[in-house]
Amino acid sequence: MATRARGRPAQSAISDEALLDAVLQSFGENGYDGASVREIARRLEVSHNLIPQRFGSKENLWYAAVDHGFGRLISDLKREAQTLGSDELLILRGLISSFIEINAQHPSLLQIINQEASQPGPRLDYLFDTYIKPVRDFGEAWLTRLAEEGRIRPVSVSLLYFLMTHGAGGLFALPALTKRLGKGVKNKSNLSVQEEAQSAVDIFFDGMLPR
């Protein structure tokens, strides 16, 4: 029986999840134009033909990676919501905290949004129509309901989104700036990340609660 030479792992041994995680990281760090499929393959030690064979063009690869990343985020948040009880205000608080923590572990999605949101284009259209707008609409209905019940002050859902993604999320999505500011979150423990997320949520909710 022939044996495979040492070096590159068997092509079938590389899961789509591992490939797409590496793709997300590359698009997040380098942007669409700067990301190289050949470099991703080199990093994973697989043939440079493997990724095109599985996903087709670079454009198709971007969409597959984004769907993979957002799909995981949504699944994680749904699973977390099931543990938060039935009080809508406490659920909202818990989900915001979880959103920040999850993006601390997988900052590529926020980095990709930062990359694509600087100018209009079909990739931003896809991100907005498929993932951002549905969350915005759902959150707006939720915040309106809580405000009408007198449990929070009237809050702009767009402002809250920016505070979550580009405020607290920026701590993880912009590592070079974070390091210059003396935070170094990337090297912190999970407990430290949780503390950072909780601090951000405390600030959000202190401003949202009725005075």
N, C-alpha and C. Protein backbone atom coordinates (compact mmCIF):
# COMPACT_ATOMS: atom_id res chain seq x y z
N MET A 1 0.84 -1.20 0.00
CA MET A 1 0.00 0.00 0.00
C MET A 1 0.88 1.24 0.00
N ALA A 2 0.56 2.19 -0.88
CA ALA A 2 1.36 3.41 -0.98
C ALA A 2 1.07 4.30 0.23
N THR A 3 2.08 4.98 0.69
CA THR A 3 1.93 5.91 1.81
C THR A 3 2.16 7.32 1.31
N ARG A 4 1.44 8.25 1.94
CA ARG A 4 1.57 9.65 1.55
C ARG A 4 2.83 10.24 2.15
N ALA A 5 3.53 11.02 1.38
CA ALA A 5 4.76 11.64 1.86
C ALA A 5 4.44 12.62 2.98
N ARG A 6 5.39 12.75 3.92
CA ARG A 6 5.21 13.71 4.99
C ARG A 6 5.19 15.13 4.44
N GLY A 7 4.55 16.01 5.17
CA GLY A 7 4.51 17.41 4.75
C GLY A 7 3.09 17.91 4.81
N ARG A 8 2.51 18.19 3.67
CA ARG A 8 1.16 18.71 3.62
C ARG A 8 0.16 17.68 4.14
N PRO A 9 -0.86 18.11 4.90
CA PRO A 9 -1.89 17.18 5.34
C PRO A 9 -2.73 16.72 4.16
N ALA A 10 -3.36 15.54 4.33
CA ALA A 10 -4.24 15.06 3.27
C ALA A 10 -5.31 16.10 3.00
N GLN A 11 -5.62 16.32 1.71
CA GLN A 11 -6.57 17.36 1.34
C GLN A 11 -7.93 17.14 2.00
N SER A 12 -8.37 15.87 2.07
CA SER A 12 -9.67 15.59 2.65
C SER A 12 -9.69 15.80 4.16
N ALA A 13 -8.49 15.90 4.78
CA ALA A 13 -8.43 16.07 6.23
C ALA A 13 -8.71 17.50 6.65
N ILE A 14 -8.66 18.44 5.72
CA ILE A 14 -8.93 19.84 6.02
C ILE A 14 -10.43 20.08 5.88
N SER A 15 -11.09 20.39 7.00
CA SER A 15 -12.53 20.59 6.96
C SER A 15 -12.87 21.95 6.35
N ASP A 16 -14.09 22.06 5.84
CA ASP A 16 -14.56 23.35 5.33
C ASP A 16 -14.52 24.39 6.44
N GLU A 17 -14.84 24.00 7.67
CA GLU A 17 -14.84 24.95 8.78
C GLU A 17 -13.45 25.53 9.00
N ALA A 18 -12.42 24.67 8.99
CA ALA A 18 -11.06 25.14 9.17
C ALA A 18 -10.64 26.06 8.03
N LEU A 19 -11.01 25.69 6.81
CA LEU A 19 -10.69 26.52 5.65
C LEU A 19 -11.35 27.90 5.77
N LEU A 20 -12.63 27.90 6.08
CA LEU A 20 -13.37 29.16 6.12
C LEU A 20 -12.94 30.03 7.29
N ASP A 21 -12.53 29.42 8.39
CA ASP A 21 -11.99 30.22 9.50
C ASP A 21 -10.72 30.94 9.06
N ALA A 22 -9.85 30.24 8.34
CA ALA A 22 -8.62 30.86 7.84
C ALA A 22 -8.94 31.94 6.82
N VAL A 23 -9.95 31.70 5.99
CA VAL A 23 -10.36 32.68 4.99
C VAL A 23 -10.91 33.94 5.67
N LEU A 24 -11.75 33.76 6.69
CA LEU A 24 -12.28 34.89 7.43
C LEU A 24 -11.15 35.73 8.02
N GLN A 25 -10.18 35.07 8.61
CA GLN A 25 -9.06 35.79 9.22
C GLN A 25 -8.31 36.60 8.17
N SER A 26 -8.09 36.01 7.00
CA SER A 26 -7.36 36.71 5.95
C SER A 26 -8.14 37.91 5.42
N PHE A 27 -9.44 37.72 5.15
CA PHE A 27 -10.24 38.84 4.68
C PHE A 27 -10.35 39.93 5.75
N GLY A 28 -10.43 39.52 7.02
CA GLY A 28 -10.52 40.50 8.09
C GLY A 28 -9.25 41.31 8.24
N GLU A 29 -8.12 40.65 8.16
CA GLU A 29 -6.84 41.33 8.36
C GLU A 29 -6.40 42.13 7.14
N ASN A 30 -6.71 41.61 5.95
CA ASN A 30 -6.14 42.19 4.73
C ASN A 30 -7.14 42.87 3.80
N GLY A 31 -8.44 42.72 4.08
CA GLY A 31 -9.44 43.23 3.17
C GLY A 31 -9.60 42.31 1.97
N TYR A 32 -10.64 42.57 1.19
CA TYR A 32 -10.92 41.70 0.05
C TYR A 32 -9.79 41.74 -0.96
N ASP A 33 -9.35 42.92 -1.33
CA ASP A 33 -8.30 43.02 -2.35
C ASP A 33 -6.96 42.50 -1.86
N GLY A 34 -6.69 42.67 -0.58
CA GLY A 34 -5.39 42.25 -0.05
C GLY A 34 -5.29 40.78 0.30
N ALA A 35 -6.44 40.11 0.46
CA ALA A 35 -6.43 38.69 0.81
C ALA A 35 -5.97 37.85 -0.38
N SER A 36 -5.16 36.84 -0.11
CA SER A 36 -4.62 35.98 -1.16
C SER A 36 -5.01 34.54 -0.88
N VAL A 37 -5.73 33.94 -1.83
CA VAL A 37 -6.11 32.54 -1.68
C VAL A 37 -4.87 31.66 -1.62
N ARG A 38 -3.86 31.99 -2.40
CA ARG A 38 -2.62 31.21 -2.37
C ARG A 38 -1.95 31.29 -0.99
N GLU A 39 -1.96 32.48 -0.38
CA GLU A 39 -1.36 32.65 0.93
C GLU A 39 -2.14 31.87 1.99
N ILE A 40 -3.48 31.86 1.89
CA ILE A 40 -4.29 31.08 2.83
C ILE A 40 -3.95 29.60 2.71
N ALA A 41 -3.83 29.12 1.48
CA ALA A 41 -3.46 27.72 1.27
C ALA A 41 -2.08 27.42 1.84
N ARG A 42 -1.14 28.35 1.66
CA ARG A 42 0.21 28.16 2.20
C ARG A 42 0.17 28.09 3.73
N ARG A 43 -0.64 28.96 4.34
CA ARG A 43 -0.74 28.97 5.80
C ARG A 43 -1.30 27.65 6.33
N LEU A 44 -2.26 27.07 5.57
CA LEU A 44 -2.88 25.81 5.98
C LEU A 44 -2.09 24.59 5.51
N GLU A 45 -1.05 24.84 4.71
CA GLU A 45 -0.22 23.77 4.17
C GLU A 45 -1.03 22.81 3.30
N VAL A 46 -1.86 23.38 2.44
CA VAL A 46 -2.62 22.57 1.48
C VAL A 46 -2.31 23.09 0.08
N SER A 47 -2.69 22.31 -0.91
CA SER A 47 -2.49 22.72 -2.30
C SER A 47 -3.25 24.00 -2.58
N HIS A 48 -2.65 24.90 -3.37
CA HIS A 48 -3.32 26.16 -3.67
C HIS A 48 -4.55 25.94 -4.55
N ASN A 49 -4.70 24.72 -5.11
CA ASN A 49 -5.88 24.40 -5.92
C ASN A 49 -7.06 23.94 -5.07
N LEU A 50 -6.80 23.58 -3.82
CA LEU A 50 -7.85 22.98 -2.99
C LEU A 50 -9.01 23.96 -2.75
N ILE A 51 -8.68 25.20 -2.39
CA ILE A 51 -9.73 26.16 -2.04
C ILE A 51 -10.60 26.49 -3.25
N PRO A 52 -10.02 26.81 -4.43
CA PRO A 52 -10.87 27.02 -5.61
C PRO A 52 -11.70 25.80 -5.97
N GLN A 53 -11.15 24.61 -5.77
CA GLN A 53 -11.90 23.40 -6.09
C GLN A 53 -13.14 23.27 -5.21
N ARG A 54 -13.03 23.68 -3.96
CA ARG A 54 -14.16 23.55 -3.03
C ARG A 54 -15.15 24.71 -3.14
N PHE A 55 -14.63 25.92 -3.35
CA PHE A 55 -15.49 27.10 -3.24
C PHE A 55 -15.57 27.94 -4.50
N GLY A 56 -14.77 27.64 -5.49
CA GLY A 56 -14.83 28.40 -6.73
C GLY A 56 -14.01 29.68 -6.64
N SER A 57 -14.58 30.76 -7.15
CA SER A 57 -13.85 32.01 -7.27
C SER A 57 -13.60 32.65 -5.91
N LYS A 58 -12.72 33.65 -5.90
CA LYS A 58 -12.45 34.40 -4.68
C LYS A 58 -13.72 35.09 -4.19
N GLU A 59 -14.54 35.58 -5.11
CA GLU A 59 -15.79 36.23 -4.73
C GLU A 59 -16.72 35.24 -4.03
N ASN A 60 -16.86 34.04 -4.59
CA ASN A 60 -17.68 33.01 -3.95
C ASN A 60 -17.12 32.64 -2.59
N LEU A 61 -15.82 32.61 -2.49
CA LEU A 61 -15.16 32.27 -1.23
C LEU A 61 -15.49 33.30 -0.16
N TRP A 62 -15.51 34.58 -0.52
CA TRP A 62 -15.84 35.63 0.45
C TRP A 62 -17.25 35.42 1.00
N TYR A 63 -18.21 35.18 0.11
CA TYR A 63 -19.59 34.98 0.55
C TYR A 63 -19.71 33.72 1.43
N ALA A 64 -19.02 32.66 1.05
CA ALA A 64 -19.08 31.43 1.85
C ALA A 64 -18.50 31.66 3.24
N ALA A 65 -17.40 32.41 3.31
CA ALA A 65 -16.77 32.67 4.60
C ALA A 65 -17.65 33.55 5.48
N VAL A 66 -18.25 34.57 4.90
CA VAL A 66 -19.14 35.46 5.66
C VAL A 66 -20.36 34.69 6.18
N ASP A 67 -20.95 33.85 5.33
CA ASP A 67 -22.10 33.05 5.77
C ASP A 67 -21.69 32.10 6.89
N HIS A 68 -20.53 31.52 6.77
CA HIS A 68 -20.01 30.63 7.82
C HIS A 68 -19.84 31.38 9.13
N GLY A 69 -19.22 32.55 9.08
CA GLY A 69 -18.95 33.30 10.30
C GLY A 69 -20.21 33.82 10.96
N PHE A 70 -21.11 34.41 10.18
CA PHE A 70 -22.35 34.93 10.75
C PHE A 70 -23.27 33.79 11.20
N GLY A 71 -23.24 32.68 10.47
CA GLY A 71 -24.04 31.54 10.88
C GLY A 71 -23.63 31.04 12.25
N ARG A 72 -22.34 30.98 12.49
CA ARG A 72 -21.85 30.55 13.81
C ARG A 72 -22.22 31.56 14.89
N LEU A 73 -22.09 32.85 14.58
CA LEU A 73 -22.45 33.89 15.55
C LEU A 73 -23.92 33.78 15.93
N ILE A 74 -24.79 33.64 14.94
CA ILE A 74 -26.22 33.56 15.21
C ILE A 74 -26.56 32.31 16.03
N SER A 75 -25.93 31.18 15.68
CA SER A 75 -26.17 29.95 16.44
C SER A 75 -25.73 30.09 17.89
N ASP A 76 -24.57 30.70 18.10
CA ASP A 76 -24.07 30.89 19.46
C ASP A 76 -25.00 31.79 20.26
N LEU A 77 -25.50 32.86 19.64
CA LEU A 77 -26.39 33.78 20.36
C LEU A 77 -27.74 33.13 20.66
N LYS A 78 -28.26 32.33 19.73
CA LYS A 78 -29.52 31.64 19.99
C LYS A 78 -29.36 30.66 21.14
N ARG A 79 -28.25 29.96 21.17
CA ARG A 79 -27.99 29.01 22.26
C ARG A 79 -27.87 29.74 23.59
N GLU A 80 -27.21 30.89 23.58
CA GLU A 80 -27.07 31.68 24.80
C GLU A 80 -28.42 32.21 25.27
N ALA A 81 -29.28 32.63 24.34
CA ALA A 81 -30.58 33.19 24.70
C ALA A 81 -31.43 32.20 25.48
N GLN A 82 -31.24 30.91 25.19
CA GLN A 82 -32.02 29.88 25.86
C GLN A 82 -31.66 29.74 27.34
N THR A 83 -30.54 30.32 27.75
CA THR A 83 -30.09 30.21 29.14
C THR A 83 -30.42 31.46 29.95
N LEU A 84 -31.05 32.46 29.34
CA LEU A 84 -31.18 33.78 29.98
C LEU A 84 -32.55 34.05 30.59
N GLY A 85 -33.41 33.04 30.65
CA GLY A 85 -34.71 33.24 31.28
C GLY A 85 -35.71 33.89 30.35
N SER A 86 -36.70 34.59 30.94
CA SER A 86 -37.80 35.15 30.14
C SER A 86 -37.92 36.66 30.22
N ASP A 87 -37.14 37.31 31.08
CA ASP A 87 -37.20 38.77 31.21
C ASP A 87 -36.49 39.40 30.01
N GLU A 88 -37.23 40.17 29.21
CA GLU A 88 -36.68 40.70 27.96
C GLU A 88 -35.50 41.64 28.19
N LEU A 89 -35.54 42.40 29.27
CA LEU A 89 -34.43 43.32 29.53
C LEU A 89 -33.17 42.55 29.89
N LEU A 90 -33.31 41.51 30.69
CA LEU A 90 -32.15 40.69 31.07
C LEU A 90 -31.64 39.90 29.87
N ILE A 91 -32.55 39.45 29.02
CA ILE A 91 -32.12 38.75 27.81
C ILE A 91 -31.31 39.69 26.92
N LEU A 92 -31.82 40.92 26.74
CA LEU A 92 -31.11 41.90 25.92
C LEU A 92 -29.72 42.16 26.48
N ARG A 93 -29.63 42.36 27.76
CA ARG A 93 -28.33 42.61 28.39
C ARG A 93 -27.39 41.43 28.18
N GLY A 94 -27.90 40.23 28.40
CA GLY A 94 -27.07 39.04 28.23
C GLY A 94 -26.60 38.84 26.81
N LEU A 95 -27.48 39.12 25.84
CA LEU A 95 -27.10 38.92 24.44
C LEU A 95 -26.07 39.94 23.98
N ILE A 96 -26.19 41.17 24.46
CA ILE A 96 -25.18 42.18 24.10
C ILE A 96 -23.82 41.77 24.67
N SER A 97 -23.81 41.30 25.92
CA SER A 97 -22.56 40.85 26.52
C SER A 97 -21.98 39.67 25.74
N SER A 98 -22.85 38.71 25.38
CA SER A 98 -22.38 37.54 24.62
C SER A 98 -21.88 37.94 23.24
N PHE A 99 -22.56 38.89 22.60
CA PHE A 99 -22.13 39.37 21.28
C PHE A 99 -20.70 39.90 21.35
N ILE A 100 -20.42 40.69 22.38
CA ILE A 100 -19.08 41.26 22.52
C ILE A 100 -18.06 40.16 22.78
N GLU A 101 -18.39 39.21 23.65
CA GLU A 101 -17.46 38.13 23.98
C GLU A 101 -17.18 37.25 22.76
N ILE A 102 -18.23 36.90 22.02
CA ILE A 102 -18.06 36.04 20.84
C ILE A 102 -17.18 36.72 19.80
N ASN A 103 -17.40 38.02 19.61
CA ASN A 103 -16.59 38.74 18.63
C ASN A 103 -15.16 38.96 19.12
N ALA A 104 -14.95 38.90 20.42
CA ALA A 104 -13.58 38.94 20.93
C ALA A 104 -12.83 37.68 20.54
N GLN A 105 -13.55 36.55 20.52
CA GLN A 105 -12.92 35.29 20.13
C GLN A 105 -12.79 35.16 18.62
N HIS A 106 -13.72 35.78 17.88
CA HIS A 106 -13.72 35.70 16.41
C HIS A 106 -13.90 37.11 15.85
N PRO A 107 -12.87 37.94 15.90
CA PRO A 107 -13.01 39.35 15.50
C PRO A 107 -13.09 39.57 14.00
N SER A 108 -12.92 38.53 13.21
CA SER A 108 -12.85 38.71 11.75
C SER A 108 -14.11 39.33 11.17
N LEU A 109 -15.29 38.98 11.72
CA LEU A 109 -16.53 39.53 11.17
C LEU A 109 -16.58 41.05 11.33
N LEU A 110 -16.23 41.54 12.51
CA LEU A 110 -16.22 42.99 12.71
C LEU A 110 -15.15 43.64 11.83
N GLN A 111 -14.02 42.98 11.67
CA GLN A 111 -12.97 43.52 10.81
C GLN A 111 -13.45 43.60 9.36
N ILE A 112 -14.18 42.57 8.91
CA ILE A 112 -14.70 42.58 7.55
C ILE A 112 -15.73 43.68 7.37
N ILE A 113 -16.61 43.87 8.37
CA ILE A 113 -17.57 44.96 8.29
C ILE A 113 -16.85 46.29 8.21
N ASN A 114 -15.80 46.47 9.02
CA ASN A 114 -15.01 47.70 8.95
C ASN A 114 -14.41 47.90 7.57
N GLN A 115 -13.92 46.81 6.97
CA GLN A 115 -13.31 46.89 5.65
C GLN A 115 -14.33 47.30 4.59
N GLU A 116 -15.52 46.70 4.64
CA GLU A 116 -16.50 46.88 3.58
C GLU A 116 -17.37 48.12 3.77
N ALA A 117 -17.48 48.62 5.02
CA ALA A 117 -18.42 49.71 5.30
C ALA A 117 -17.86 51.09 4.97
N SER A 118 -16.62 51.16 4.54
CA SER A 118 -16.03 52.46 4.25
C SER A 118 -16.53 53.05 2.94
N GLN A 119 -17.08 52.22 2.06
CA GLN A 119 -17.62 52.70 0.79
C GLN A 119 -18.69 51.74 0.30
N PRO A 120 -19.65 52.23 -0.50
CA PRO A 120 -20.72 51.35 -0.98
C PRO A 120 -20.20 50.31 -1.95
N GLY A 121 -20.92 49.21 -2.02
CA GLY A 121 -20.54 48.15 -2.94
C GLY A 121 -21.39 46.91 -2.70
N PRO A 122 -21.31 45.93 -3.59
CA PRO A 122 -22.16 44.74 -3.49
C PRO A 122 -21.89 43.91 -2.24
N ARG A 123 -20.65 43.91 -1.75
CA ARG A 123 -20.38 43.12 -0.54
C ARG A 123 -21.01 43.77 0.68
N LEU A 124 -20.95 45.11 0.77
CA LEU A 124 -21.64 45.79 1.86
C LEU A 124 -23.15 45.59 1.73
N ASP A 125 -23.68 45.65 0.51
CA ASP A 125 -25.11 45.41 0.30
C ASP A 125 -25.49 44.04 0.87
N TYR A 126 -24.66 43.04 0.60
CA TYR A 126 -24.97 41.68 1.08
C TYR A 126 -24.92 41.63 2.60
N LEU A 127 -23.88 42.19 3.20
CA LEU A 127 -23.77 42.20 4.66
C LEU A 127 -24.98 42.90 5.28
N PHE A 128 -25.34 44.05 4.72
CA PHE A 128 -26.43 44.83 5.30
C PHE A 128 -27.78 44.12 5.13
N ASP A 129 -28.10 43.70 3.90
CA ASP A 129 -29.41 43.12 3.63
C ASP A 129 -29.59 41.75 4.31
N THR A 130 -28.52 40.97 4.40
CA THR A 130 -28.63 39.61 4.90
C THR A 130 -28.48 39.52 6.41
N TYR A 131 -27.63 40.35 6.99
CA TYR A 131 -27.32 40.19 8.41
C TYR A 131 -27.55 41.45 9.24
N ILE A 132 -27.13 42.60 8.78
CA ILE A 132 -27.19 43.79 9.62
C ILE A 132 -28.62 44.31 9.73
N LYS A 133 -29.32 44.47 8.60
CA LYS A 133 -30.68 45.03 8.64
C LYS A 133 -31.65 44.15 9.42
N PRO A 134 -31.66 42.82 9.23
CA PRO A 134 -32.58 42.00 10.04
C PRO A 134 -32.34 42.15 11.54
N VAL A 135 -31.08 42.23 11.94
CA VAL A 135 -30.77 42.42 13.36
C VAL A 135 -31.22 43.80 13.81
N ARG A 136 -30.99 44.82 12.96
CA ARG A 136 -31.41 46.18 13.29
C ARG A 136 -32.92 46.25 13.46
N ASP A 137 -33.67 45.64 12.54
CA ASP A 137 -35.13 45.69 12.60
C ASP A 137 -35.65 44.95 13.83
N PHE A 138 -35.07 43.79 14.11
CA PHE A 138 -35.47 43.01 15.28
C PHE A 138 -35.15 43.79 16.56
N GLY A 139 -33.95 44.36 16.62
CA GLY A 139 -33.56 45.13 17.80
C GLY A 139 -34.40 46.37 17.99
N GLU A 140 -34.80 47.02 16.89
CA GLU A 140 -35.62 48.22 17.00
C GLU A 140 -36.98 47.90 17.62
N ALA A 141 -37.58 46.79 17.18
CA ALA A 141 -38.87 46.39 17.75
C ALA A 141 -38.72 46.06 19.23
N TRP A 142 -37.63 45.40 19.58
CA TRP A 142 -37.37 45.02 20.98
C TRP A 142 -37.18 46.26 21.85
N LEU A 143 -36.35 47.20 21.40
CA LEU A 143 -36.09 48.41 22.18
C LEU A 143 -37.35 49.27 22.30
N THR A 144 -38.12 49.34 21.21
CA THR A 144 -39.36 50.12 21.26
C THR A 144 -40.32 49.54 22.29
N ARG A 145 -40.42 48.23 22.32
CA ARG A 145 -41.31 47.57 23.27
C ARG A 145 -40.88 47.84 24.71
N LEU A 146 -39.59 47.74 24.98
CA LEU A 146 -39.10 48.00 26.34
C LEU A 146 -39.28 49.46 26.72
N ALA A 147 -39.10 50.37 25.76
CA ALA A 147 -39.29 51.80 26.03
C ALA A 147 -40.75 52.09 26.33
N GLU A 148 -41.67 51.49 25.57
CA GLU A 148 -43.09 51.71 25.80
C GLU A 148 -43.53 51.18 27.16
N GLU A 149 -42.84 50.16 27.65
CA GLU A 149 -43.14 49.61 28.98
C GLU A 149 -42.49 50.44 30.09
N GLY A 150 -41.68 51.43 29.69
CA GLY A 150 -41.02 52.28 30.67
C GLY A 150 -39.80 51.65 31.31
N ARG A 151 -39.29 50.58 30.72
CA ARG A 151 -38.16 49.88 31.32
C ARG A 151 -36.82 50.45 30.86
N ILE A 152 -36.80 51.11 29.71
CA ILE A 152 -35.61 51.80 29.24
C ILE A 152 -36.03 53.14 28.66
N ARG A 153 -35.07 54.03 28.48
CA ARG A 153 -35.32 55.29 27.78
C ARG A 153 -35.39 55.00 26.28
N PRO A 154 -36.08 55.83 25.51
CA PRO A 154 -36.04 55.66 24.06
C PRO A 154 -34.60 55.68 23.55
N VAL A 155 -34.23 54.66 22.79
CA VAL A 155 -32.84 54.48 22.36
C VAL A 155 -32.80 54.27 20.86
N SER A 156 -31.86 54.91 20.19
CA SER A 156 -31.64 54.67 18.77
C SER A 156 -30.96 53.33 18.58
N VAL A 157 -31.61 52.41 17.86
CA VAL A 157 -31.01 51.10 17.65
C VAL A 157 -29.75 51.21 16.80
N SER A 158 -29.71 52.19 15.90
CA SER A 158 -28.49 52.37 15.09
C SER A 158 -27.31 52.79 15.96
N LEU A 159 -27.58 53.69 16.91
CA LEU A 159 -26.51 54.11 17.82
C LEU A 159 -26.03 52.94 18.66
N LEU A 160 -26.97 52.13 19.17
CA LEU A 160 -26.59 50.98 19.98
C LEU A 160 -25.76 50.00 19.15
N TYR A 161 -26.14 49.82 17.87
CA TYR A 161 -25.38 48.92 17.00
C TYR A 161 -23.94 49.40 16.86
N PHE A 162 -23.76 50.69 16.61
CA PHE A 162 -22.40 51.22 16.46
C PHE A 162 -21.62 51.11 17.77
N LEU A 163 -22.27 51.33 18.88
CA LEU A 163 -21.58 51.20 20.17
C LEU A 163 -21.12 49.77 20.40
N MET A 164 -21.94 48.80 19.99
CA MET A 164 -21.58 47.39 20.16
C MET A 164 -20.46 46.97 19.22
N THR A 165 -20.61 47.33 17.94
CA THR A 165 -19.68 46.81 16.93
C THR A 165 -18.41 47.62 16.81
N HIS A 166 -18.54 48.93 16.78
CA HIS A 166 -17.37 49.77 16.55
C HIS A 166 -16.87 50.44 17.83
N GLY A 167 -17.69 50.35 18.89
CA GLY A 167 -17.25 50.85 20.19
C GLY A 167 -16.58 49.74 20.96
N ALA A 168 -17.38 48.94 21.65
CA ALA A 168 -16.82 47.80 22.39
C ALA A 168 -16.14 46.81 21.45
N GLY A 169 -16.74 46.57 20.28
CA GLY A 169 -16.15 45.62 19.34
C GLY A 169 -14.81 46.08 18.79
N GLY A 170 -14.61 47.39 18.72
CA GLY A 170 -13.35 47.91 18.21
C GLY A 170 -12.17 47.50 19.05
N LEU A 171 -12.41 47.22 20.31
CA LEU A 171 -11.35 46.78 21.21
C LEU A 171 -10.70 45.49 20.70
N PHE A 172 -11.50 44.67 20.00
CA PHE A 172 -11.01 43.38 19.50
C PHE A 172 -10.75 43.40 18.00
N ALA A 173 -11.50 44.22 17.27
CA ALA A 173 -11.38 44.24 15.81
C ALA A 173 -10.22 45.10 15.34
N LEU A 174 -9.71 45.97 16.21
CA LEU A 174 -8.62 46.88 15.84
C LEU A 174 -7.43 46.65 16.77
N PRO A 175 -6.78 45.50 16.65
CA PRO A 175 -5.75 45.12 17.62
C PRO A 175 -4.55 46.06 17.66
N ALA A 176 -4.16 46.63 16.51
CA ALA A 176 -3.00 47.52 16.52
C ALA A 176 -3.28 48.78 17.34
N LEU A 177 -4.47 49.36 17.15
CA LEU A 177 -4.84 50.54 17.93
C LEU A 177 -5.04 50.18 19.39
N THR A 178 -5.66 49.04 19.64
CA THR A 178 -5.88 48.59 21.02
C THR A 178 -4.55 48.46 21.75
N LYS A 179 -3.55 47.90 21.06
CA LYS A 179 -2.23 47.75 21.68
C LYS A 179 -1.62 49.11 21.97
N ARG A 180 -1.77 50.05 21.04
CA ARG A 180 -1.22 51.39 21.27
C ARG A 180 -1.89 52.08 22.45
N LEU A 181 -3.15 51.74 22.68
CA LEU A 181 -3.87 52.32 23.81
C LEU A 181 -3.56 51.61 25.12
N GLY A 182 -2.73 50.57 25.03
CA GLY A 182 -2.27 49.90 26.24
C GLY A 182 -3.19 48.82 26.77
N LYS A 183 -4.11 48.31 25.89
CA LYS A 183 -5.04 47.31 26.38
C LYS A 183 -4.52 45.89 26.19
N GLY A 184 -4.08 45.56 24.97
CA GLY A 184 -3.55 44.22 24.72
C GLY A 184 -4.54 43.11 24.99
N VAL A 185 -5.81 43.31 24.57
CA VAL A 185 -6.86 42.35 24.89
C VAL A 185 -6.59 40.98 24.29
N LYS A 186 -5.93 40.96 23.14
CA LYS A 186 -5.72 39.69 22.46
C LYS A 186 -5.00 38.68 23.34
N ASN A 187 -4.17 39.16 24.24
CA ASN A 187 -3.39 38.26 25.09
C ASN A 187 -4.05 38.02 26.44
N LYS A 188 -5.25 38.54 26.64
CA LYS A 188 -5.91 38.38 27.92
C LYS A 188 -6.63 37.04 28.01
N SER A 189 -6.97 36.64 29.23
CA SER A 189 -7.69 35.41 29.45
C SER A 189 -9.16 35.59 29.10
N ASN A 190 -9.89 34.46 29.04
CA ASN A 190 -11.32 34.53 28.78
C ASN A 190 -12.02 35.34 29.87
N LEU A 191 -11.55 35.22 31.10
CA LEU A 191 -12.15 35.97 32.19
C LEU A 191 -11.99 37.46 31.95
N SER A 192 -10.82 37.88 31.49
CA SER A 192 -10.60 39.30 31.22
C SER A 192 -11.49 39.80 30.11
N VAL A 193 -11.69 38.98 29.08
CA VAL A 193 -12.58 39.36 27.99
C VAL A 193 -14.00 39.53 28.51
N GLN A 194 -14.43 38.62 29.37
CA GLN A 194 -15.76 38.72 29.97
C GLN A 194 -15.89 40.01 30.78
N GLU A 195 -14.84 40.36 31.50
CA GLU A 195 -14.87 41.58 32.29
C GLU A 195 -14.98 42.81 31.40
N GLU A 196 -14.23 42.81 30.28
CA GLU A 196 -14.32 43.93 29.34
C GLU A 196 -15.73 44.04 28.76
N ALA A 197 -16.30 42.89 28.38
CA ALA A 197 -17.65 42.89 27.83
C ALA A 197 -18.65 43.39 28.86
N GLN A 198 -18.50 42.95 30.11
CA GLN A 198 -19.44 43.38 31.15
C GLN A 198 -19.32 44.87 31.42
N SER A 199 -18.11 45.40 31.38
CA SER A 199 -17.93 46.84 31.57
C SER A 199 -18.64 47.62 30.48
N ALA A 200 -18.51 47.16 29.24
CA ALA A 200 -19.18 47.84 28.13
C ALA A 200 -20.69 47.79 28.29
N VAL A 201 -21.22 46.63 28.67
CA VAL A 201 -22.66 46.49 28.84
C VAL A 201 -23.16 47.37 29.99
N ASP A 202 -22.39 47.46 31.05
CA ASP A 202 -22.77 48.33 32.17
C ASP A 202 -22.91 49.78 31.69
N ILE A 203 -21.98 50.21 30.85
CA ILE A 203 -22.04 51.58 30.32
C ILE A 203 -23.28 51.75 29.45
N PHE A 204 -23.55 50.77 28.56
CA PHE A 204 -24.73 50.84 27.71
C PHE A 204 -26.00 50.97 28.55
N PHE A 205 -26.12 50.08 29.52
CA PHE A 205 -27.37 50.01 30.26
C PHE A 205 -27.52 51.14 31.26
N ASP A 206 -26.43 51.64 31.78
CA ASP A 206 -26.54 52.82 32.65
C ASP A 206 -27.16 53.98 31.89
N GLY A 207 -26.83 54.09 30.60
CA GLY A 207 -27.39 55.16 29.79
C GLY A 207 -28.80 54.88 29.31
N MET A 208 -29.17 53.60 29.23
CA MET A 208 -30.47 53.23 28.69
C MET A 208 -31.57 53.22 29.76
N LEU A 209 -31.20 52.95 31.00
CA LEU A 209 -32.23 52.80 32.04
C LEU A 209 -32.84 54.15 32.37
N PRO A 210 -34.13 54.15 32.72
CA PRO A 210 -34.79 55.42 33.06
C PRO A 210 -34.13 56.07 34.27
N ARG A 211 -34.08 57.40 34.25
CA ARG A 211 -33.49 58.12 35.36
C ARG A 211 -34.55 58.40 36.41
